[in-house]
């Protein structure tokens, strides 16, 4: 029934025939805009680390703390 850059919402009925709405997040690290990535359902700026070599700190590489 809806969609954003990093999530989508579905509406339907469960096995008991009750209405059900569920929100699903797209995969962490998926590009969602210029220099942005999906992180836990939110489009966030990419974190670049400038040093000897350019590296990217993606939320897809971080362990879930919950």
Protein backbone atom coordinates (compact mmCIF):
# COMPACT_ATOMS: atom_id res chain seq x y z
CA UNK A 1 0.00 0.00 0.00
CA UNK A 2 3.00 2.27 0.29
CA UNK A 3 6.69 2.66 -0.45
CA UNK A 4 9.57 4.91 0.53
CA UNK A 5 13.22 4.90 -0.52
CA UNK A 6 14.15 2.12 1.93
CA UNK A 7 10.92 0.40 2.96
CA UNK A 8 7.55 -0.74 1.70
CA UNK A 9 4.21 -1.50 3.36
CA UNK A 10 1.88 -4.37 2.46
CA UNK A 11 -1.78 -4.82 3.37
CA UNK A 12 -3.62 -8.11 3.34
CA UNK A 13 -5.30 -10.74 5.50
CA UNK A 14 -3.72 -13.33 7.76
CA UNK A 15 -4.73 -17.01 7.96
CA UNK A 16 -7.67 -16.07 10.24
CA UNK A 17 -9.01 -13.54 7.74
CA UNK A 18 -7.99 -10.53 9.85
CA UNK A 19 -6.65 -7.39 8.18
CA UNK A 20 -2.89 -7.11 8.50
CA UNK A 21 -0.48 -4.32 7.57
CA UNK A 22 3.26 -5.03 7.61
CA UNK A 23 6.26 -2.81 6.94
CA UNK A 24 9.39 -4.31 5.40
CA UNK A 25 12.80 -2.65 5.21
CA UNK A 26 15.01 -3.02 2.17
CA UNK A 27 18.46 -4.55 2.68
CA UNK A 28 20.99 -2.41 4.57
CA UNK A 29 23.62 -0.99 2.23
CA UNK A 30 21.29 -0.74 -0.78
CA UNK A 31 21.78 2.60 -2.60
CA UNK A 32 18.82 4.95 -2.19
CA UNK A 33 20.11 8.29 -3.41
CA UNK A 34 23.26 10.17 -4.35
CA UNK A 35 25.90 9.12 -1.78
CA UNK A 36 23.17 7.54 0.38
CA UNK A 37 22.33 4.00 1.49
CA UNK A 38 19.48 2.23 3.27
CA UNK A 39 20.14 1.68 6.99
CA UNK A 40 17.41 -0.01 9.04
CA UNK A 41 14.72 1.31 6.70
CA UNK A 42 16.01 4.91 6.51
CA UNK A 43 17.91 6.51 3.64
CA UNK A 44 21.08 7.91 5.24
CA UNK A 45 24.27 9.59 3.97
CA UNK A 46 27.19 7.27 3.26
CA UNK A 47 30.04 7.60 5.78
CA UNK A 48 33.31 7.99 3.89
CA UNK A 49 36.65 7.59 5.68
CA UNK A 50 39.36 9.61 3.99
CA UNK A 51 42.85 8.31 4.72
CA UNK A 52 45.58 6.48 2.84
CA UNK A 53 42.83 4.88 0.80
CA UNK A 54 39.20 5.89 0.41
CA UNK A 55 37.00 3.54 2.40
CA UNK A 56 33.28 3.31 2.96
CA UNK A 57 31.71 2.59 6.35
CA UNK A 58 28.46 0.89 5.35
CA UNK A 59 25.77 0.07 7.90
CA UNK A 60 25.45 -3.26 6.06
CA UNK A 61 28.80 -4.27 7.59
CA UNK A 62 27.80 -3.38 11.16
CA UNK A 63 26.41 -5.93 13.59
CA UNK A 64 22.84 -5.38 14.79
CA UNK A 65 23.00 -4.08 18.37
CA UNK A 66 19.38 -4.88 19.24
